[in-house]
C-alpha cells in the first residue's frame, strides 16, 4: 500500500473538499444530473477517509486501489472498531458505484442518486467527529 505523508493540520482541507463534494452532489441532484450527483458523493467519501487518516496518522493513501483507504482507516486504533466499520461500510458502498457511475455506458437513476447522497450524509455524520 502506497501512502503519502501529510501534515495532520491539512485534514481540514480534505474535510472541506468532502463538504464541497457533498454540496455539489446535492446541487447536481436538484438539477437531475444523477451521474454527477453520484460521482460527487463518491469523491466526498474519498475525501472524508483522507481527512480522517491525515488527522490521526499524518498520511493518506496514494495508490489507485480504493480498498487501501479502508486498510489505512482500520489502522487507526483511537477510533472504536464499530465506528471504523460503519464509516468503512458507507465508503465501500459508494466506491462500489464508482466504475458504473463514472465509466459505464449507462446513466444513473434518481433512486441510485438518492441512495448515494444518503450514504454520503450518513458517512459524514459518523466521520465528522473523527476529523474535528
N, C-alpha and C. Protein backbone atom coordinates (compact mmCIF):
# COMPACT_ATOMS: atom_id res chain seq x y z
N UNK A 1 0.86 -1.18 0.00
CA UNK A 1 0.00 0.00 0.00
C UNK A 1 0.89 1.23 0.00
N UNK A 2 0.65 2.11 -0.93
CA UNK A 2 1.41 3.36 -1.00
C UNK A 2 0.65 4.45 -0.24
N UNK A 3 1.39 5.18 0.57
CA UNK A 3 0.80 6.32 1.29
C UNK A 3 1.70 7.53 1.08
N UNK A 4 1.13 8.66 1.41
CA UNK A 4 1.87 9.91 1.33
C UNK A 4 1.75 10.61 2.67
N UNK A 5 2.88 11.12 3.18
CA UNK A 5 2.87 11.88 4.43
C UNK A 5 2.18 13.23 4.18
N UNK A 6 1.32 13.60 5.13
CA UNK A 6 0.60 14.87 5.06
C UNK A 6 0.52 15.41 6.48
N UNK A 7 0.79 16.68 6.64
CA UNK A 7 0.71 17.29 7.97
C UNK A 7 -0.73 17.15 8.49
N UNK A 8 -0.88 16.68 9.73
CA UNK A 8 -2.23 16.50 10.28
C UNK A 8 -3.13 17.73 10.19
N UNK A 9 -2.55 18.92 10.23
CA UNK A 9 -3.35 20.14 10.11
C UNK A 9 -4.06 20.22 8.75
N UNK A 10 -3.56 19.52 7.76
CA UNK A 10 -4.17 19.53 6.42
C UNK A 10 -5.45 18.71 6.36
N UNK A 11 -5.78 18.02 7.45
CA UNK A 11 -7.04 17.26 7.48
C UNK A 11 -8.22 18.18 7.20
N UNK A 12 -8.13 19.41 7.66
CA UNK A 12 -9.22 20.38 7.43
C UNK A 12 -9.45 20.63 5.95
N UNK A 13 -8.38 20.63 5.18
CA UNK A 13 -8.52 20.83 3.73
C UNK A 13 -9.27 19.66 3.11
N UNK A 14 -8.90 18.45 3.50
CA UNK A 14 -9.59 17.28 2.96
C UNK A 14 -11.06 17.26 3.39
N UNK A 15 -11.32 17.69 4.63
CA UNK A 15 -12.70 17.74 5.08
C UNK A 15 -13.49 18.80 4.31
N UNK A 16 -12.86 19.92 4.03
CA UNK A 16 -13.53 20.97 3.24
C UNK A 16 -13.83 20.45 1.83
N UNK A 17 -12.91 19.69 1.26
CA UNK A 17 -13.17 19.09 -0.06
C UNK A 17 -14.38 18.16 0.03
N UNK A 18 -14.42 17.35 1.07
CA UNK A 18 -15.55 16.43 1.25
C UNK A 18 -16.86 17.21 1.34
N UNK A 19 -16.84 18.28 2.10
CA UNK A 19 -18.03 19.12 2.25
C UNK A 19 -18.45 19.71 0.91
N UNK A 20 -17.50 20.20 0.17
CA UNK A 20 -17.80 20.78 -1.15
C UNK A 20 -18.35 19.74 -2.12
N UNK A 21 -17.79 18.52 -2.07
CA UNK A 21 -18.32 17.45 -2.92
C UNK A 21 -19.75 17.11 -2.52
N UNK A 22 -20.05 17.12 -1.22
CA UNK A 22 -21.42 16.86 -0.77
C UNK A 22 -22.38 17.94 -1.28
N UNK A 23 -21.95 19.18 -1.21
CA UNK A 23 -22.78 20.29 -1.72
C UNK A 23 -22.98 20.14 -3.22
N UNK A 24 -21.92 19.79 -3.93
CA UNK A 24 -22.02 19.59 -5.38
C UNK A 24 -22.96 18.42 -5.71
N UNK A 25 -22.91 17.37 -4.91
CA UNK A 25 -23.79 16.21 -5.13
C UNK A 25 -25.24 16.63 -4.98
N UNK A 26 -25.54 17.40 -3.96
CA UNK A 26 -26.91 17.87 -3.73
C UNK A 26 -27.37 18.79 -4.86
N UNK A 27 -26.49 19.68 -5.29
CA UNK A 27 -26.85 20.60 -6.38
C UNK A 27 -27.09 19.83 -7.68
N UNK A 28 -26.26 18.84 -7.94
CA UNK A 28 -26.43 18.03 -9.15
C UNK A 28 -27.75 17.27 -9.10
N UNK A 29 -28.08 16.74 -7.94
CA UNK A 29 -29.35 16.01 -7.80
C UNK A 29 -30.54 16.94 -8.03
N UNK A 30 -30.45 18.16 -7.55
CA UNK A 30 -31.53 19.12 -7.75
C UNK A 30 -31.73 19.43 -9.24
N UNK A 31 -30.65 19.32 -10.00
CA UNK A 31 -30.72 19.55 -11.44
C UNK A 31 -30.97 18.26 -12.23
N UNK A 32 -31.23 17.18 -11.49
CA UNK A 32 -31.47 15.86 -12.07
C UNK A 32 -30.28 15.35 -12.88
N UNK A 33 -29.09 15.76 -12.48
CA UNK A 33 -27.85 15.27 -13.08
C UNK A 33 -27.36 14.13 -12.19
N UNK A 34 -28.04 13.00 -12.32
CA UNK A 34 -27.84 11.88 -11.40
C UNK A 34 -26.41 11.36 -11.38
N UNK A 35 -25.78 11.26 -12.55
CA UNK A 35 -24.41 10.76 -12.61
C UNK A 35 -23.45 11.69 -11.87
N UNK A 36 -23.62 12.98 -12.06
CA UNK A 36 -22.78 13.95 -11.36
C UNK A 36 -23.03 13.89 -9.85
N UNK A 37 -24.26 13.68 -9.45
CA UNK A 37 -24.58 13.58 -8.03
C UNK A 37 -23.90 12.37 -7.41
N UNK A 38 -24.00 11.23 -8.06
CA UNK A 38 -23.38 10.01 -7.55
C UNK A 38 -21.86 10.16 -7.52
N UNK A 39 -21.29 10.66 -8.59
CA UNK A 39 -19.85 10.83 -8.65
C UNK A 39 -19.35 11.79 -7.57
N UNK A 40 -20.06 12.85 -7.34
CA UNK A 40 -19.66 13.80 -6.29
C UNK A 40 -19.77 13.17 -4.91
N UNK A 41 -20.79 12.36 -4.69
CA UNK A 41 -20.93 11.66 -3.40
C UNK A 41 -19.76 10.71 -3.18
N UNK A 42 -19.34 10.04 -4.24
CA UNK A 42 -18.20 9.12 -4.16
C UNK A 42 -16.93 9.89 -3.79
N UNK A 43 -16.70 11.00 -4.45
CA UNK A 43 -15.50 11.79 -4.17
C UNK A 43 -15.55 12.42 -2.78
N UNK A 44 -16.74 12.70 -2.30
CA UNK A 44 -16.88 13.17 -0.92
C UNK A 44 -16.41 12.08 0.05
N UNK A 45 -16.80 10.84 -0.22
CA UNK A 45 -16.40 9.73 0.65
C UNK A 45 -14.89 9.55 0.65
N UNK A 46 -14.28 9.65 -0.50
CA UNK A 46 -12.82 9.52 -0.60
C UNK A 46 -12.14 10.61 0.24
N UNK A 47 -12.63 11.83 0.10
CA UNK A 47 -12.05 12.94 0.86
C UNK A 47 -12.28 12.80 2.36
N UNK A 48 -13.42 12.24 2.75
CA UNK A 48 -13.68 12.02 4.18
C UNK A 48 -12.67 11.07 4.78
N UNK A 49 -12.43 9.96 4.11
CA UNK A 49 -11.46 8.99 4.63
C UNK A 49 -10.06 9.60 4.64
N UNK A 50 -9.73 10.36 3.60
CA UNK A 50 -8.44 11.05 3.59
C UNK A 50 -8.32 11.97 4.80
N UNK A 51 -9.38 12.72 5.09
CA UNK A 51 -9.35 13.66 6.22
C UNK A 51 -9.11 12.93 7.54
N UNK A 52 -9.80 11.83 7.73
CA UNK A 52 -9.63 11.05 8.98
C UNK A 52 -8.20 10.53 9.10
N UNK A 53 -7.70 9.94 8.02
CA UNK A 53 -6.36 9.35 8.06
C UNK A 53 -5.29 10.42 8.25
N UNK A 54 -5.44 11.54 7.59
CA UNK A 54 -4.48 12.63 7.75
C UNK A 54 -4.52 13.14 9.19
N UNK A 55 -5.70 13.31 9.73
CA UNK A 55 -5.85 13.83 11.10
C UNK A 55 -5.19 12.91 12.13
N UNK A 56 -5.37 11.61 11.98
CA UNK A 56 -4.91 10.67 13.01
C UNK A 56 -3.56 10.03 12.71
N UNK A 57 -3.19 9.94 11.44
CA UNK A 57 -1.96 9.24 11.09
C UNK A 57 -0.91 10.12 10.42
N UNK A 58 -1.35 11.29 9.93
CA UNK A 58 -0.42 12.14 9.19
C UNK A 58 -0.05 11.57 7.84
N UNK A 59 -0.96 10.77 7.29
CA UNK A 59 -0.75 10.20 5.95
C UNK A 59 -2.08 9.83 5.34
N UNK A 60 -2.05 9.67 4.02
CA UNK A 60 -3.23 9.22 3.29
C UNK A 60 -2.77 8.29 2.18
N UNK A 61 -3.68 7.51 1.67
CA UNK A 61 -3.36 6.56 0.61
C UNK A 61 -3.05 7.31 -0.68
N UNK A 62 -2.03 6.85 -1.39
CA UNK A 62 -1.69 7.46 -2.67
C UNK A 62 -1.76 6.45 -3.81
N UNK A 63 -2.26 5.27 -3.54
CA UNK A 63 -2.40 4.25 -4.59
C UNK A 63 -3.74 4.42 -5.30
N UNK A 64 -3.90 3.71 -6.40
CA UNK A 64 -5.16 3.74 -7.15
C UNK A 64 -6.19 2.79 -6.58
N UNK A 65 -5.79 1.97 -5.63
CA UNK A 65 -6.68 0.97 -5.04
C UNK A 65 -7.46 1.60 -3.88
N UNK A 66 -8.73 1.82 -4.08
CA UNK A 66 -9.54 2.47 -3.05
C UNK A 66 -9.71 1.60 -1.81
N UNK A 67 -9.53 0.31 -1.92
CA UNK A 67 -9.60 -0.56 -0.75
C UNK A 67 -8.47 -0.28 0.24
N UNK A 68 -7.36 0.26 -0.27
CA UNK A 68 -6.24 0.60 0.62
C UNK A 68 -6.65 1.65 1.65
N UNK A 69 -7.58 2.52 1.29
CA UNK A 69 -8.03 3.55 2.23
C UNK A 69 -8.71 2.92 3.44
N UNK A 70 -9.45 1.84 3.22
CA UNK A 70 -10.10 1.15 4.33
C UNK A 70 -9.04 0.49 5.22
N UNK A 71 -8.03 -0.10 4.60
CA UNK A 71 -6.94 -0.71 5.37
C UNK A 71 -6.27 0.34 6.25
N UNK A 72 -6.00 1.51 5.69
CA UNK A 72 -5.38 2.58 6.46
C UNK A 72 -6.32 3.07 7.56
N UNK A 73 -7.58 3.22 7.23
CA UNK A 73 -8.58 3.64 8.21
C UNK A 73 -8.61 2.67 9.40
N UNK A 74 -8.56 1.38 9.12
CA UNK A 74 -8.63 0.38 10.20
C UNK A 74 -7.35 0.33 11.04
N UNK A 75 -6.31 1.00 10.61
CA UNK A 75 -5.10 1.05 11.43
C UNK A 75 -5.18 2.12 12.52
N UNK A 76 -6.23 2.93 12.50
CA UNK A 76 -6.39 3.99 13.50
C UNK A 76 -7.11 3.41 14.71
N UNK A 77 -6.35 3.00 15.68
CA UNK A 77 -6.92 2.33 16.85
C UNK A 77 -7.66 3.27 17.79
N UNK A 78 -7.41 4.58 17.68
CA UNK A 78 -8.11 5.55 18.54
C UNK A 78 -9.59 5.62 18.24
N UNK A 79 -9.94 5.25 17.03
CA UNK A 79 -11.35 5.24 16.64
C UNK A 79 -11.89 3.85 16.97
N UNK A 80 -12.98 3.77 17.73
CA UNK A 80 -13.54 2.46 18.07
C UNK A 80 -13.84 1.63 16.80
N UNK A 81 -13.60 0.35 16.91
CA UNK A 81 -13.77 -0.54 15.75
C UNK A 81 -15.16 -0.41 15.13
N UNK A 82 -16.19 -0.32 15.95
CA UNK A 82 -17.55 -0.19 15.41
C UNK A 82 -17.70 1.07 14.57
N UNK A 83 -17.09 2.16 15.01
CA UNK A 83 -17.14 3.41 14.24
C UNK A 83 -16.40 3.25 12.91
N UNK A 84 -15.22 2.65 12.96
CA UNK A 84 -14.45 2.41 11.73
C UNK A 84 -15.25 1.54 10.77
N UNK A 85 -15.91 0.52 11.30
CA UNK A 85 -16.70 -0.38 10.45
C UNK A 85 -17.86 0.35 9.79
N UNK A 86 -18.53 1.23 10.53
CA UNK A 86 -19.65 1.96 9.95
C UNK A 86 -19.18 2.94 8.87
N UNK A 87 -18.09 3.64 9.13
CA UNK A 87 -17.54 4.55 8.13
C UNK A 87 -17.12 3.75 6.90
N UNK A 88 -16.43 2.63 7.11
CA UNK A 88 -15.97 1.80 6.00
C UNK A 88 -17.14 1.24 5.20
N UNK A 89 -18.22 0.88 5.88
CA UNK A 89 -19.39 0.34 5.18
C UNK A 89 -19.94 1.35 4.17
N UNK A 90 -20.10 2.59 4.60
CA UNK A 90 -20.61 3.62 3.69
C UNK A 90 -19.60 3.91 2.57
N UNK A 91 -18.33 3.95 2.94
CA UNK A 91 -17.27 4.19 1.96
C UNK A 91 -17.29 3.10 0.88
N UNK A 92 -17.28 1.85 1.32
CA UNK A 92 -17.27 0.74 0.35
C UNK A 92 -18.50 0.76 -0.55
N UNK A 93 -19.65 1.07 0.05
CA UNK A 93 -20.87 1.14 -0.75
C UNK A 93 -20.79 2.19 -1.84
N UNK A 94 -20.21 3.33 -1.50
CA UNK A 94 -20.06 4.39 -2.51
C UNK A 94 -18.99 4.04 -3.53
N UNK A 95 -17.88 3.50 -3.09
CA UNK A 95 -16.81 3.12 -4.02
C UNK A 95 -17.29 2.06 -5.00
N UNK A 96 -18.19 1.19 -4.56
CA UNK A 96 -18.73 0.14 -5.44
C UNK A 96 -19.49 0.75 -6.63
N UNK A 97 -19.95 1.97 -6.48
CA UNK A 97 -20.69 2.64 -7.55
C UNK A 97 -19.78 3.37 -8.53
N UNK A 98 -18.53 3.55 -8.17
CA UNK A 98 -17.63 4.42 -8.92
C UNK A 98 -17.49 4.04 -10.40
N UNK A 99 -17.23 2.79 -10.67
CA UNK A 99 -16.99 2.41 -12.07
C UNK A 99 -18.20 2.70 -12.95
N UNK A 100 -19.36 2.21 -12.54
CA UNK A 100 -20.51 2.39 -13.43
C UNK A 100 -21.00 3.82 -13.43
N UNK A 101 -20.82 4.57 -12.35
CA UNK A 101 -21.27 5.97 -12.32
C UNK A 101 -20.39 6.85 -13.20
N UNK A 102 -19.11 6.51 -13.28
CA UNK A 102 -18.19 7.38 -13.99
C UNK A 102 -17.75 6.86 -15.36
N UNK A 103 -17.81 5.55 -15.55
CA UNK A 103 -17.23 4.99 -16.78
C UNK A 103 -18.16 4.11 -17.60
N UNK A 104 -19.21 3.59 -17.01
CA UNK A 104 -20.08 2.63 -17.69
C UNK A 104 -20.93 3.31 -18.74
N UNK A 105 -21.49 2.50 -19.63
CA UNK A 105 -22.30 3.06 -20.71
C UNK A 105 -23.80 3.04 -20.37
N UNK A 106 -24.10 3.47 -19.17
CA UNK A 106 -25.48 3.67 -18.77
C UNK A 106 -25.53 4.86 -17.84
N UNK A 107 -26.70 5.42 -17.69
CA UNK A 107 -26.88 6.58 -16.84
C UNK A 107 -27.41 6.18 -15.47
N UNK A 108 -27.03 6.92 -14.47
CA UNK A 108 -27.52 6.69 -13.11
C UNK A 108 -28.98 7.14 -13.02
N UNK A 109 -29.69 6.54 -12.12
CA UNK A 109 -31.10 6.88 -11.93
C UNK A 109 -31.28 7.79 -10.72
N UNK A 110 -32.47 8.33 -10.60
CA UNK A 110 -32.81 9.16 -9.44
C UNK A 110 -32.65 8.35 -8.15
N UNK A 111 -33.11 7.12 -8.16
CA UNK A 111 -33.04 6.27 -6.97
C UNK A 111 -31.58 6.01 -6.57
N UNK A 112 -30.73 5.73 -7.53
CA UNK A 112 -29.31 5.49 -7.24
C UNK A 112 -28.66 6.76 -6.69
N UNK A 113 -29.02 7.88 -7.26
CA UNK A 113 -28.51 9.15 -6.77
C UNK A 113 -28.95 9.40 -5.34
N UNK A 114 -30.19 9.14 -5.07
CA UNK A 114 -30.73 9.34 -3.72
C UNK A 114 -30.00 8.45 -2.71
N UNK A 115 -29.77 7.20 -3.07
CA UNK A 115 -29.06 6.28 -2.17
C UNK A 115 -27.61 6.74 -1.94
N UNK A 116 -26.96 7.23 -2.99
CA UNK A 116 -25.58 7.70 -2.85
C UNK A 116 -25.50 8.92 -1.95
N UNK A 117 -26.43 9.84 -2.11
CA UNK A 117 -26.43 11.03 -1.26
C UNK A 117 -26.73 10.67 0.20
N UNK A 118 -27.61 9.73 0.41
CA UNK A 118 -27.90 9.28 1.78
C UNK A 118 -26.68 8.63 2.41
N UNK A 119 -25.98 7.80 1.64
CA UNK A 119 -24.77 7.14 2.15
C UNK A 119 -23.70 8.17 2.49
N UNK A 120 -23.53 9.17 1.64
CA UNK A 120 -22.53 10.21 1.91
C UNK A 120 -22.91 11.00 3.16
N UNK A 121 -24.19 11.28 3.33
CA UNK A 121 -24.64 12.02 4.52
C UNK A 121 -24.43 11.21 5.78
N UNK A 122 -24.74 9.92 5.73
CA UNK A 122 -24.53 9.06 6.90
C UNK A 122 -23.05 8.94 7.23
N UNK A 123 -22.24 8.80 6.19
CA UNK A 123 -20.81 8.71 6.39
C UNK A 123 -20.27 9.99 6.99
N UNK A 124 -20.73 11.12 6.50
CA UNK A 124 -20.30 12.41 7.01
C UNK A 124 -20.65 12.56 8.49
N UNK A 125 -21.84 12.13 8.86
CA UNK A 125 -22.28 12.23 10.25
C UNK A 125 -21.36 11.43 11.17
N UNK A 126 -20.91 10.26 10.71
CA UNK A 126 -20.01 9.42 11.50
C UNK A 126 -18.58 9.96 11.47
N UNK A 127 -18.13 10.40 10.31
CA UNK A 127 -16.73 10.80 10.14
C UNK A 127 -16.40 12.14 10.77
N UNK A 128 -17.35 13.05 10.79
CA UNK A 128 -17.10 14.42 11.27
C UNK A 128 -16.43 14.44 12.65
N UNK A 129 -16.91 13.63 13.55
CA UNK A 129 -16.37 13.62 14.91
C UNK A 129 -14.89 13.22 14.93
N UNK A 130 -14.43 12.47 13.95
CA UNK A 130 -13.06 11.98 13.96
C UNK A 130 -12.11 12.88 13.20
N UNK A 131 -12.64 13.95 12.64
CA UNK A 131 -11.79 14.93 11.95
C UNK A 131 -11.66 16.18 12.81
N UNK A 132 -12.72 16.55 13.50
CA UNK A 132 -12.71 17.78 14.30
C UNK A 132 -11.95 17.61 15.59
